[in-house]
Amino acid sequence: MKRAFTLIELLVVIAIIAILAAILFPVFAQAKTSAKKAQAISNQKQIGLAVIMYAGDYDDVYPRNDDCQPGTSLNPALKNAPFNAVGAGCTSPPWYNRMNHYSWQKWVLPYVKNVELFFHPVIGKMDTGSPRQWSENGQIMGSFAINLALTGALNTYNTAPGSANRFRNSFLGGVQSAIPSVAEAWLITELVNPTINYSPVFLDGSSGTESRTAYPFAIEEAWKPYLYRTDSNCVSTNDINGANVPFAGSINFSFADGHTKTMSVGEFMAKTPNAAEYQVSSRPACGLGSGSWTISSRPAWTQPWPFWALE
């Protein structure tokens, strides 16, 4: 006579399996996150080294070019899009052929050779806005960000000498050798933002002048609403904003000497001056703002902040 499992035996087996699954699934999820973090660090390190290699080939000057060339879109689907040197793709949206700080990846693409390297393994493609950032502009948002306060940026394409805002010069001159401590100053980081893919900067002087100076957006009160959850009045809580900090309260930074490390949000904040320690004439009311913020005079800081290359 064949003996079958009883209902109780089956329920016991199912319960054991459920318990094992409950134990193992978080472990698997943690392993998956760790793998993505390792990939993010690897990608970011390669990007940071590419920027350094560029500077090595151009007499110590960081990339900051502004140009427009046919077939240069980061999105392969837009490679054969029509080229109009004074129209869509170059001087009006969508911006698929433009090469400026919104598509800074093109500056170092010859050293990287792989567009996929610029996509963060957790954040991926942020295809928002009108026109849409990736599918129409061919721009990569929400992944890795470059520190424009170190590189500077140009807005010279199809603009006449003397035009406003053509030069956004780094406060250090845009050269690697001017950084007080290359091992402590960050160059590339993660930035979950749908509209900018570079660290915001403070721009001194009138917006109507041809040349302006870009200073680090090194103010604790501006970063805190981005890194921590806020209430309806933009008052920050002590809870990390997981949507903007992809790896459980830590952020990856690549430094000007080429190394990459993980830093907790708390450590990042400790390396960032507050409003009394880094004085600017004005700043966004809540968070990072649009990417550049006009100030009427040069910032003043009370002590060196090597993480921000402030001496």
C-alpha atoms as a PDB file:
ATOM      1  CA  MET A   1       0.000   0.000   0.000  1.00  0.00           C
ATOM      2  CA  LYS A   2       1.459   3.378  -1.055  1.00  0.00           C
ATOM      3  CA  ARG A   3       1.774   6.024   1.613  1.00  0.00           C
ATOM      4  CA  ALA A   4       0.974   9.640   0.592  1.00  0.00           C
ATOM      5  CA  PHE A   5       1.953  12.842   2.357  1.00  0.00           C
ATOM      6  CA  THR A   6      -0.587  14.051   4.826  1.00  0.00           C
ATOM      7  CA  LEU A   7      -1.934  17.585   4.685  1.00  0.00           C
ATOM      8  CA  ILE A   8      -0.022  18.500   7.830  1.00  0.00           C
ATOM      9  CA  GLU A   9       3.255  17.241   6.344  1.00  0.00           C
ATOM     10  CA  LEU A  10       2.688  19.278   3.192  1.00  0.00           C
ATOM     11  CA  LEU A  11       1.918  22.385   5.232  1.00  0.00           C
ATOM     12  CA  VAL A  12       5.073  21.882   7.283  1.00  0.00           C
ATOM     13  CA  VAL A  13       7.188  21.612   4.112  1.00  0.00           C
ATOM     14  CA  ILE A  14       5.571  24.722   2.646  1.00  0.00           C
ATOM     15  CA  ALA A  15       6.163  26.599   5.892  1.00  0.00           C
ATOM     16  CA  ILE A  16       9.837  25.605   5.901  1.00  0.00           C
ATOM     17  CA  ILE A  17      10.228  26.721   2.293  1.00  0.00           C
ATOM     18  CA  ALA A  18       8.537  30.031   3.098  1.00  0.00           C
ATOM     19  CA  ILE A  19      10.871  30.597   6.051  1.00  0.00           C
ATOM     20  CA  LEU A  20      13.945  29.816   3.950  1.00  0.00           C
ATOM     21  CA  ALA A  21      12.719  32.152   1.205  1.00  0.00           C
ATOM     22  CA  ALA A  22      12.151  34.943   3.719  1.00  0.00           C
ATOM     23  CA  ILE A  23      15.718  34.485   4.947  1.00  0.00           C
ATOM     24  CA  LEU A  24      17.366  34.166   1.541  1.00  0.00           C
ATOM     25  CA  PHE A  25      15.540  36.793  -0.548  1.00  0.00           C
ATOM     26  CA  PRO A  26      17.009  39.759   1.379  1.00  0.00           C
ATOM     27  CA  VAL A  27      20.431  38.155   1.055  1.00  0.00           C
ATOM     28  CA  PHE A  28      19.969  37.827  -2.707  1.00  0.00           C
ATOM     29  CA  ALA A  29      18.715  41.420  -2.920  1.00  0.00           C
ATOM     30  CA  GLN A  30      21.717  42.651  -0.935  1.00  0.00           C
ATOM     31  CA  ALA A  31      24.083  40.703  -3.186  1.00  0.00           C
ATOM     32  CA  LYS A  32      22.417  42.234  -6.255  1.00  0.00           C
ATOM     33  CA  THR A  33      22.766  45.740  -4.807  1.00  0.00           C
ATOM     34  CA  SER A  34      26.412  45.091  -3.950  1.00  0.00           C
ATOM     35  CA  ALA A  35      27.073  43.950  -7.515  1.00  0.00           C
ATOM     36  CA  LYS A  36      25.466  47.102  -8.914  1.00  0.00           C
ATOM     37  CA  LYS A  37      27.455  49.234  -6.509  1.00  0.00           C
ATOM     38  CA  ALA A  38      30.683  47.591  -7.660  1.00  0.00           C
ATOM     39  CA  GLN A  39      29.696  48.214 -11.267  1.00  0.00           C
ATOM     40  CA  ALA A  40      28.855  51.848 -10.506  1.00  0.00           C
ATOM     41  CA  ILE A  41      32.230  52.368  -8.837  1.00  0.00           C
ATOM     42  CA  SER A  42      34.014  50.754 -11.793  1.00  0.00           C
ATOM     43  CA  ASN A  43      32.144  52.869 -14.360  1.00  0.00           C
ATOM     44  CA  GLN A  44      32.682  56.038 -12.397  1.00  0.00           C
ATOM     45  CA  LYS A  45      36.386  55.383 -11.919  1.00  0.00           C
ATOM     46  CA  GLN A  46      36.845  54.873 -15.663  1.00  0.00           C
ATOM     47  CA  ILE A  47      35.005  58.124 -16.394  1.00  0.00           C
ATOM     48  CA  GLY A  48      37.125  60.010 -13.875  1.00  0.00           C
ATOM     49  CA  LEU A  49      40.321  58.593 -15.370  1.00  0.00           C
ATOM     50  CA  ALA A  50      39.096  59.597 -18.838  1.00  0.00           C
ATOM     51  CA  VAL A  51      38.757  63.221 -17.679  1.00  0.00           C
ATOM     52  CA  ILE A  52      42.272  63.091 -16.249  1.00  0.00           C
ATOM     53  CA  MET A  53      43.616  61.582 -19.470  1.00  0.00           C
ATOM     54  CA  TYR A  54      41.963  64.376 -21.439  1.00  0.00           C
ATOM     55  CA  ALA A  55      43.693  66.964 -19.240  1.00  0.00           C
ATOM     56  CA  GLY A  56      46.979  65.128 -19.753  1.00  0.00           C
ATOM     57  CA  ASP A  57      46.601  65.446 -23.520  1.00  0.00           C
ATOM     58  CA  TYR A  58      45.573  69.118 -23.412  1.00  0.00           C
ATOM     59  CA  ASP A  59      48.312  70.733 -21.329  1.00  0.00           C
ATOM     60  CA  ASP A  60      46.611  70.131 -17.965  1.00  0.00           C
ATOM     61  CA  VAL A  61      43.331  71.812 -19.060  1.00  0.00           C
ATOM     62  CA  TYR A  62      40.083  70.049 -18.207  1.00  0.00           C
ATOM     63  CA  PRO A  63      37.473  69.582 -20.955  1.00  0.00           C
ATOM     64  CA  ARG A  64      34.853  72.315 -21.331  1.00  0.00           C
ATOM     65  CA  ASN A  65      34.206  72.483 -25.082  1.00  0.00           C
ATOM     66  CA  ASP A  66      31.058  73.778 -26.804  1.00  0.00           C
ATOM     67  CA  ASP A  67      30.503  72.616 -30.365  1.00  0.00           C
ATOM     68  CA  CYS A  68      27.976  70.942 -32.648  1.00  0.00           C
ATOM     69  CA  GLN A  69      28.914  68.159 -35.034  1.00  0.00           C
ATOM     70  CA  PRO A  70      26.769  65.845 -37.196  1.00  0.00           C
ATOM     71  CA  GLY A  71      26.285  62.283 -36.062  1.00  0.00           C
ATOM     72  CA  THR A  72      27.620  62.886 -32.569  1.00  0.00           C
ATOM     73  CA  SER A  73      24.522  62.035 -30.544  1.00  0.00           C
ATOM     74  CA  LEU A  74      25.129  59.743 -27.592  1.00  0.00           C
ATOM     75  CA  ASN A  75      21.888  57.991 -28.495  1.00  0.00           C
ATOM     76  CA  PRO A  76      22.638  55.667 -31.464  1.00  0.00           C
ATOM     77  CA  ALA A  77      19.060  56.100 -32.705  1.00  0.00           C
ATOM     78  CA  LEU A  78      19.812  59.777 -33.395  1.00  0.00           C
ATOM     79  CA  LYS A  79      23.137  59.312 -35.192  1.00  0.00           C
ATOM     80  CA  ASN A  80      21.537  59.852 -38.607  1.00  0.00           C
ATOM     81  CA  ALA A  81      19.254  62.691 -37.541  1.00  0.00           C
ATOM     82  CA  PRO A  82      19.286  65.764 -39.837  1.00  0.00           C
ATOM     83  CA  PHE A  83      22.108  68.207 -39.200  1.00  0.00           C
ATOM     84  CA  ASN A  84      21.363  71.915 -39.082  1.00  0.00           C
ATOM     85  CA  ALA A  85      24.243  74.011 -37.810  1.00  0.00           C
ATOM     86  CA  VAL A  86      21.930  76.881 -36.861  1.00  0.00           C
ATOM     87  CA  GLY A  87      18.746  74.991 -36.048  1.00  0.00           C
ATOM     88  CA  ALA A  88      17.340  71.923 -34.347  1.00  0.00           C
ATOM     89  CA  GLY A  89      20.043  69.691 -32.921  1.00  0.00           C
ATOM     90  CA  CYS A  90      22.509  72.557 -32.481  1.00  0.00           C
ATOM     91  CA  THR A  91      20.969  75.897 -31.520  1.00  0.00           C
ATOM     92  CA  SER A  92      17.427  74.824 -30.683  1.00  0.00           C
ATOM     93  CA  PRO A  93      15.897  71.676 -29.199  1.00  0.00           C
ATOM     94  CA  PRO A  94      16.224  68.795 -29.466  1.00  0.00           C
ATOM     95  CA  TRP A  95      19.963  69.085 -28.782  1.00  0.00           C
ATOM     96  CA  TYR A  96      21.204  65.730 -30.103  1.00  0.00           C
ATOM     97  CA  ASN A  97      24.312  67.075 -31.914  1.00  0.00           C
ATOM     98  CA  ARG A  98      25.337  69.693 -29.341  1.00  0.00           C
ATOM     99  CA  MET A  99      28.550  69.153 -27.393  1.00  0.00           C
ATOM    100  CA  ASN A 100      28.471  71.201 -24.204  1.00  0.00           C
ATOM    101  CA  HIS A 101      28.153  70.659 -20.450  1.00  0.00           C
ATOM    102  CA  TYR A 102      24.731  69.036 -20.889  1.00  0.00           C
ATOM    103  CA  SER A 103      26.429  66.372 -22.999  1.00  0.00           C
ATOM    104  CA  TRP A 104      29.815  66.481 -21.283  1.00  0.00           C
ATOM    105  CA  GLN A 105      30.182  62.749 -21.863  1.00  0.00           C
ATOM    106  CA  LYS A 106      31.129  63.617 -25.460  1.00  0.00           C
ATOM    107  CA  TRP A 107      34.168  65.456 -24.134  1.00  0.00           C
ATOM    108  CA  VAL A 108      35.715  62.219 -22.916  1.00  0.00           C
ATOM    109  CA  LEU A 109      34.002  59.636 -25.136  1.00  0.00           C
ATOM    110  CA  PRO A 110      37.191  59.084 -27.214  1.00  0.00           C
ATOM    111  CA  TYR A 111      38.864  57.883 -24.008  1.00  0.00           C
ATOM    112  CA  VAL A 112      35.962  55.683 -22.913  1.00  0.00           C
ATOM    113  CA  LYS A 113      34.720  54.253 -26.243  1.00  0.00           C
ATOM    114  CA  ASN A 114      31.509  52.955 -24.672  1.00  0.00           C
ATOM    115  CA  VAL A 115      28.397  55.089 -24.133  1.00  0.00           C
ATOM    116  CA  GLU A 116      26.848  52.457 -21.845  1.00  0.00           C
ATOM    117  CA  LEU A 117      29.564  53.227 -19.307  1.00  0.00           C
ATOM    118  CA  PHE A 118      27.865  56.561 -18.608  1.00  0.00           C
ATOM    119  CA  PHE A 119      24.625  54.934 -17.453  1.00  0.00           C
ATOM    120  CA  HIS A 120      24.341  54.292 -13.750  1.00  0.00           C
ATOM    121  CA  PRO A 121      23.473  50.616 -13.084  1.00  0.00           C
ATOM    122  CA  VAL A 122      20.740  51.575 -10.585  1.00  0.00           C
ATOM    123  CA  ILE A 123      19.433  54.870 -11.915  1.00  0.00           C
ATOM    124  CA  GLY A 124      19.550  53.995 -15.624  1.00  0.00           C
ATOM    125  CA  LYS A 125      18.033  56.336 -18.214  1.00  0.00           C
ATOM    126  CA  MET A 126      15.954  59.307 -17.050  1.00  0.00           C
ATOM    127  CA  ASP A 127      13.916  60.116 -20.153  1.00  0.00           C
ATOM    128  CA  THR A 128      11.845  63.037 -18.944  1.00  0.00           C
ATOM    129  CA  GLY A 129      11.017  66.550 -20.050  1.00  0.00           C
ATOM    130  CA  SER A 130      10.135  68.019 -23.411  1.00  0.00           C
ATOM    131  CA  PRO A 131      11.997  67.187 -25.538  1.00  0.00           C
ATOM    132  CA  ARG A 132      12.740  63.947 -23.734  1.00  0.00           C
ATOM    133  CA  GLN A 133      16.312  63.803 -22.480  1.00  0.00           C
ATOM    134  CA  TRP A 134      17.516  60.522 -23.965  1.00  0.00           C
ATOM    135  CA  SER A 135      15.152  59.614 -26.787  1.00  0.00           C
ATOM    136  CA  GLU A 136      15.088  63.111 -28.343  1.00  0.00           C
ATOM    137  CA  ASN A 137      18.004  65.123 -26.911  1.00  0.00           C
ATOM    138  CA  GLY A 138      20.396  62.207 -26.747  1.00  0.00           C
ATOM    139  CA  GLN A 139      21.465  63.459 -23.305  1.00  0.00           C
ATOM    140  CA  ILE A 140      22.149  61.286 -20.257  1.00  0.00           C
ATOM    141  CA  MET A 141      20.567  62.616 -17.085  1.00  0.00           C
ATOM    142  CA  GLY A 142      20.345  61.174 -13.607  1.00  0.00           C
ATOM    143  CA  SER A 143      23.474  59.037 -13.673  1.00  0.00           C
ATOM    144  CA  PHE A 144      26.974  60.450 -13.194  1.00  0.00           C
ATOM    145  CA  ALA A 145      27.748  64.152 -12.804  1.00  0.00           C
ATOM    146  CA  ILE A 146      30.885  66.150 -13.482  1.00  0.00           C
ATOM    147  CA  ASN A 147      32.143  68.931 -11.219  1.00  0.00           C
ATOM    148  CA  LEU A 148      31.823  72.037 -13.411  1.00  0.00           C
ATOM    149  CA  ALA A 149      33.413  74.189 -10.731  1.00  0.00           C
ATOM    150  CA  LEU A 150      36.683  72.420 -11.587  1.00  0.00           C
ATOM    151  CA  THR A 151      36.298  72.166 -15.358  1.00  0.00           C
ATOM    152  CA  GLY A 152      34.352  75.288 -16.226  1.00  0.00           C
ATOM    153  CA  ALA A 153      32.072  75.359 -19.277  1.00  0.00           C
ATOM    154  CA  LEU A 154      31.695  77.228 -22.553  1.00  0.00           C
ATOM    155  CA  ASN A 155      28.648  78.608 -24.316  1.00  0.00           C
ATOM    156  CA  THR A 156      30.493  79.805 -27.407  1.00  0.00           C
ATOM    157  CA  TYR A 157      28.883  77.835 -30.229  1.00  0.00           C
ATOM    158  CA  ASN A 158      27.267  80.176 -32.780  1.00  0.00           C
ATOM    159  CA  THR A 159      27.663  83.162 -30.459  1.00  0.00           C
ATOM    160  CA  ALA A 160      29.617  86.284 -31.345  1.00  0.00           C
ATOM    161  CA  PRO A 161      32.498  87.570 -29.212  1.00  0.00           C
ATOM    162  CA  GLY A 162      31.126  89.802 -26.503  1.00  0.00           C
ATOM    163  CA  SER A 163      27.867  87.890 -26.205  1.00  0.00           C
ATOM    164  CA  ALA A 164      26.619  87.232 -22.700  1.00  0.00           C
ATOM    165  CA  ASN A 165      27.681  84.127 -20.776  1.00  0.00           C
ATOM    166  CA  ARG A 166      30.080  82.756 -23.391  1.00  0.00           C
ATOM    167  CA  PHE A 167      32.657  81.797 -20.782  1.00  0.00           C
ATOM    168  CA  ARG A 168      31.916  80.160 -17.449  1.00  0.00           C
ATOM    169  CA  ASN A 169      35.449  79.881 -16.180  1.00  0.00           C
ATOM    170  CA  SER A 170      36.445  77.645 -13.297  1.00  0.00           C
ATOM    171  CA  PHE A 171      37.491  79.606 -10.209  1.00  0.00           C
ATOM    172  CA  LEU A 172      40.755  77.629 -10.409  1.00  0.00           C
ATOM    173  CA  GLY A 173      41.279  78.288 -14.107  1.00  0.00           C
ATOM    174  CA  GLY A 174      40.128  74.854 -15.258  1.00  0.00           C
ATOM    175  CA  VAL A 175      43.519  73.201 -14.826  1.00  0.00           C
ATOM    176  CA  GLN A 176      44.271  70.139 -12.733  1.00  0.00           C
ATOM    177  CA  SER A 177      47.508  71.518 -11.308  1.00  0.00           C
ATOM    178  CA  ALA A 178      45.637  74.409  -9.659  1.00  0.00           C
ATOM    179  CA  ILE A 179      43.686  72.072  -7.364  1.00  0.00           C
ATOM    180  CA  PRO A 180      45.182  72.359  -3.860  1.00  0.00           C
ATOM    181  CA  SER A 181      44.829  68.624  -3.144  1.00  0.00           C
ATOM    182  CA  VAL A 182      43.877  66.374  -6.067  1.00  0.00           C
ATOM    183  CA  ALA A 183      43.465  63.397  -3.722  1.00  0.00           C
ATOM    184  CA  GLU A 184      40.744  65.212  -1.765  1.00  0.00           C
ATOM    185  CA  ALA A 185      38.846  67.183  -4.438  1.00  0.00           C
ATOM    186  CA  TRP A 186      35.991  65.344  -6.108  1.00  0.00           C
ATOM    187  CA  LEU A 187      35.593  65.293  -9.885  1.00  0.00           C
ATOM    188  CA  ILE A 188      32.735  62.848 -10.670  1.00  0.00           C
ATOM    189  CA  THR A 189      29.784  61.754  -8.539  1.00  0.00           C
ATOM    190  CA  GLU A 190      26.312  60.223  -8.753  1.00  0.00           C
ATOM    191  CA  LEU A 191      23.453  62.688  -9.260  1.00  0.00           C
ATOM    192  CA  VAL A 192      19.823  61.651  -9.575  1.00  0.00           C
ATOM    193  CA  ASN A 193      18.412  64.664 -11.397  1.00  0.00           C
ATOM    194  CA  PRO A 194      16.179  64.725 -14.502  1.00  0.00           C
ATOM    195  CA  THR A 195      17.424  68.082 -15.849  1.00  0.00           C
ATOM    196  CA  ILE A 196      21.127  68.450 -15.001  1.00  0.00           C
ATOM    197  CA  ASN A 197      24.008  65.984 -15.198  1.00  0.00           C
ATOM    198  CA  TYR A 198      26.674  68.156 -13.585  1.00  0.00           C
ATOM    199  CA  SER A 199      27.226  69.555 -10.138  1.00  0.00           C
ATOM    200  CA  PRO A 200      25.505  72.941  -9.834  1.00  0.00           C
ATOM    201  CA  VAL A 201      27.696  76.032  -9.650  1.00  0.00           C
ATOM    202  CA  PHE A 202      27.504  79.552  -8.333  1.00  0.00           C
ATOM    203  CA  LEU A 203      28.213  82.099 -11.084  1.00  0.00           C
ATOM    204  CA  ASP A 204      29.437  85.490  -9.978  1.00  0.00           C
ATOM    205  CA  GLY A 205      28.856  88.728 -11.816  1.00  0.00           C
ATOM    206  CA  SER A 206      26.067  89.937 -14.042  1.00  0.00           C
ATOM    207  CA  SER A 207      24.371  87.445 -16.355  1.00  0.00           C
ATOM    208  CA  GLY A 208      24.898  89.976 -19.149  1.00  0.00           C
ATOM    209  CA  THR A 209      28.688  89.776 -19.124  1.00  0.00           C
ATOM    210  CA  GLU A 210      30.717  87.621 -21.512  1.00  0.00           C
ATOM    211  CA  SER A 211      32.896  85.917 -18.897  1.00  0.00           C
ATOM    212  CA  ARG A 212      31.750  84.720 -15.508  1.00  0.00           C
ATOM    213  CA  THR A 213      33.422  82.633 -12.848  1.00  0.00           C
ATOM    214  CA  ALA A 214      32.033  79.308 -11.656  1.00  0.00           C
ATOM    215  CA  TYR A 215      32.418  78.500  -7.963  1.00  0.00           C
ATOM    216  CA  PRO A 216      31.556  75.245  -6.181  1.00  0.00           C
ATOM    217  CA  PHE A 217      27.997  74.738  -5.016  1.00  0.00           C
ATOM    218  CA  ALA A 218      29.512  73.943  -1.653  1.00  0.00           C
ATOM    219  CA  ILE A 219      26.781  74.818   0.775  1.00  0.00           C
ATOM    220  CA  GLU A 220      25.325  72.339   3.232  1.00  0.00           C
ATOM    221  CA  GLU A 221      21.888  73.969   3.393  1.00  0.00           C
ATOM    222  CA  ALA A 222      21.417  73.528  -0.375  1.00  0.00           C
ATOM    223  CA  TRP A 223      22.466  69.866  -0.478  1.00  0.00           C
ATOM    224  CA  LYS A 224      20.539  68.777   2.587  1.00  0.00           C
ATOM    225  CA  PRO A 225      17.024  69.009   1.006  1.00  0.00           C
ATOM    226  CA  TYR A 226      18.329  66.898  -1.869  1.00  0.00           C
ATOM    227  CA  LEU A 227      19.950  64.192   0.239  1.00  0.00           C
ATOM    228  CA  TYR A 228      17.363  64.031   3.036  1.00  0.00           C
ATOM    229  CA  ARG A 229      13.602  63.838   2.942  1.00  0.00           C
ATOM    230  CA  THR A 230      11.819  67.154   3.487  1.00  0.00           C
ATOM    231  CA  ASP A 231       8.407  68.210   4.691  1.00  0.00           C
ATOM    232  CA  SER A 232       5.993  70.430   2.770  1.00  0.00           C
ATOM    233  CA  ASN A 233       7.955  73.520   3.858  1.00  0.00           C
ATOM    234  CA  CYS A 234      11.274  72.117   2.624  1.00  0.00           C
ATOM    235  CA  VAL A 235      12.500  71.493   6.150  1.00  0.00           C
ATOM    236  CA  SER A 236      14.862  68.527   6.060  1.00  0.00           C
ATOM    237  CA  THR A 237      14.323  65.487   8.229  1.00  0.00           C
ATOM    238  CA  ASN A 238      16.985  63.037   9.363  1.00  0.00           C
ATOM    239  CA  ASP A 239      15.796  60.375   6.909  1.00  0.00           C
ATOM    240  CA  ILE A 240      17.969  59.757   3.852  1.00  0.00           C
ATOM    241  CA  ASN A 241      16.142  60.339   0.578  1.00  0.00           C
ATOM    242  CA  GLY A 242      16.541  56.894  -0.966  1.00  0.00           C
ATOM    243  CA  ALA A 243      15.377  58.134  -4.366  1.00  0.00           C
ATOM    244  CA  ASN A 244      18.396  60.442  -4.613  1.00  0.00           C
ATOM    245  CA  VAL A 245      20.901  58.271  -2.734  1.00  0.00           C
ATOM    246  CA  PRO A 246      20.893  54.919  -4.565  1.00  0.00           C
ATOM    247  CA  PHE A 247      23.145  52.920  -2.235  1.00  0.00           C
ATOM    248  CA  ALA A 248      21.648  52.870   1.259  1.00  0.00           C
ATOM    249  CA  GLY A 249      22.896  56.199   2.530  1.00  0.00           C
ATOM    250  CA  SER A 250      26.203  56.305   0.668  1.00  0.00           C
ATOM    251  CA  ILE A 251      27.473  58.109  -2.433  1.00  0.00           C
ATOM    252  CA  ASN A 252      30.353  57.253  -4.754  1.00  0.00           C
ATOM    253  CA  PHE A 253      32.893  59.969  -5.549  1.00  0.00           C
ATOM    254  CA  SER A 254      35.782  59.961  -8.012  1.00  0.00           C
ATOM    255  CA  PHE A 255      38.593  62.320  -7.140  1.00  0.00           C
ATOM    256  CA  ALA A 256      40.921  64.489  -9.181  1.00  0.00           C
ATOM    257  CA  ASP A 257      43.832  62.101  -8.663  1.00  0.00           C
ATOM    258  CA  GLY A 258      41.885  59.178 -10.204  1.00  0.00           C
ATOM    259  CA  HIS A 259      40.764  57.154  -7.188  1.00  0.00           C
ATOM    260  CA  THR A 260      37.107  56.423  -6.380  1.00  0.00           C
ATOM    261  CA  LYS A 261      35.599  55.784  -2.965  1.00  0.00           C
ATOM    262  CA  THR A 262      32.232  55.401  -1.258  1.00  0.00           C
ATOM    263  CA  MET A 263      31.248  58.057   1.241  1.00  0.00           C
ATOM    264  CA  SER A 264      28.311  58.186   3.614  1.00  0.00           C
ATOM    265  CA  VAL A 265      25.903  61.100   3.342  1.00  0.00           C
ATOM    266  CA  GLY A 266      27.002  62.161   6.815  1.00  0.00           C
ATOM    267  CA  GLU A 267      30.654  62.269   5.740  1.00  0.00           C
ATOM    268  CA  PHE A 268      29.755  64.244   2.631  1.00  0.00           C
ATOM    269  CA  MET A 269      27.887  66.793   4.745  1.00  0.00           C
ATOM    270  CA  ALA A 270      30.816  67.035   7.150  1.00  0.00           C
ATOM    271  CA  LYS A 271      33.106  67.914   4.232  1.00  0.00           C
ATOM    272  CA  THR A 272      30.691  70.592   2.996  1.00  0.00           C
ATOM    273  CA  PRO A 273      30.620  74.058   4.623  1.00  0.00           C
ATOM    274  CA  ASN A 274      27.414  75.587   5.928  1.00  0.00           C
ATOM    275  CA  ALA A 275      26.093  79.018   5.035  1.00  0.00           C
ATOM    276  CA  ALA A 276      28.170  80.734   7.699  1.00  0.00           C
ATOM    277  CA  GLU A 277      31.349  78.970   6.576  1.00  0.00           C
ATOM    278  CA  TYR A 278      30.764  79.498   2.826  1.00  0.00           C
ATOM    279  CA  GLN A 279      29.091  82.824   2.302  1.00  0.00           C
ATOM    280  CA  VAL A 280      27.230  83.583  -0.926  1.00  0.00           C
ATOM    281  CA  SER A 281      24.964  86.516  -1.713  1.00  0.00           C
ATOM    282  CA  SER A 282      22.033  84.242  -2.565  1.00  0.00           C
ATOM    283  CA  ARG A 283      21.147  80.594  -3.105  1.00  0.00           C
ATOM    284  CA  PRO A 284      18.133  78.489  -4.138  1.00  0.00           C
ATOM    285  CA  ALA A 285      15.325  78.491  -1.595  1.00  0.00           C
ATOM    286  CA  CYS A 286      15.166  74.703  -1.553  1.00  0.00           C
ATOM    287  CA  GLY A 287      17.639  72.199  -2.956  1.00  0.00           C
ATOM    288  CA  LEU A 288      19.969  72.396  -5.936  1.00  0.00           C
ATOM    289  CA  GLY A 289      17.984  74.667  -8.224  1.00  0.00           C
ATOM    290  CA  SER A 290      18.449  74.682 -11.989  1.00  0.00           C
ATOM    291  CA  GLY A 291      22.176  73.994 -12.143  1.00  0.00           C
ATOM    292  CA  SER A 292      23.628  77.493 -11.989  1.00  0.00           C
ATOM    293  CA  TRP A 293      22.864  80.254  -9.534  1.00  0.00           C
ATOM    294  CA  THR A 294      23.870  83.886 -10.001  1.00  0.00           C
ATOM    295  CA  ILE A 295      25.625  85.590  -7.114  1.00  0.00           C
ATOM    296  CA  SER A 296      26.618  89.226  -7.013  1.00  0.00           C
ATOM    297  CA  SER A 297      30.137  88.748  -5.682  1.00  0.00           C
ATOM    298  CA  ARG A 298      32.805  86.137  -5.079  1.00  0.00           C
ATOM    299  CA  PRO A 299      31.978  83.631  -2.308  1.00  0.00           C
ATOM    300  CA  ALA A 300      33.914  83.913   0.941  1.00  0.00           C
ATOM    301  CA  TRP A 301      34.962  80.911   3.007  1.00  0.00           C
ATOM    302  CA  THR A 302      36.389  80.795   6.485  1.00  0.00           C
ATOM    303  CA  GLN A 303      38.768  77.838   6.141  1.00  0.00           C
ATOM    304  CA  PRO A 304      40.068  75.359   3.555  1.00  0.00           C
ATOM    305  CA  TRP A 305      37.555  72.802   2.293  1.00  0.00           C
ATOM    306  CA  PRO A 306      39.714  70.441   0.216  1.00  0.00           C
ATOM    307  CA  PHE A 307      36.751  68.262  -0.821  1.00  0.00           C
ATOM    308  CA  TRP A 308      35.512  71.290  -2.797  1.00  0.00           C
ATOM    309  CA  ALA A 309      39.027  72.441  -3.789  1.00  0.00           C
ATOM    310  CA  LEU A 310      38.580  75.548  -1.648  1.00  0.00           C
ATOM    311  CA  GLU A 311      41.891  76.671  -0.213  1.00  0.00           C
END
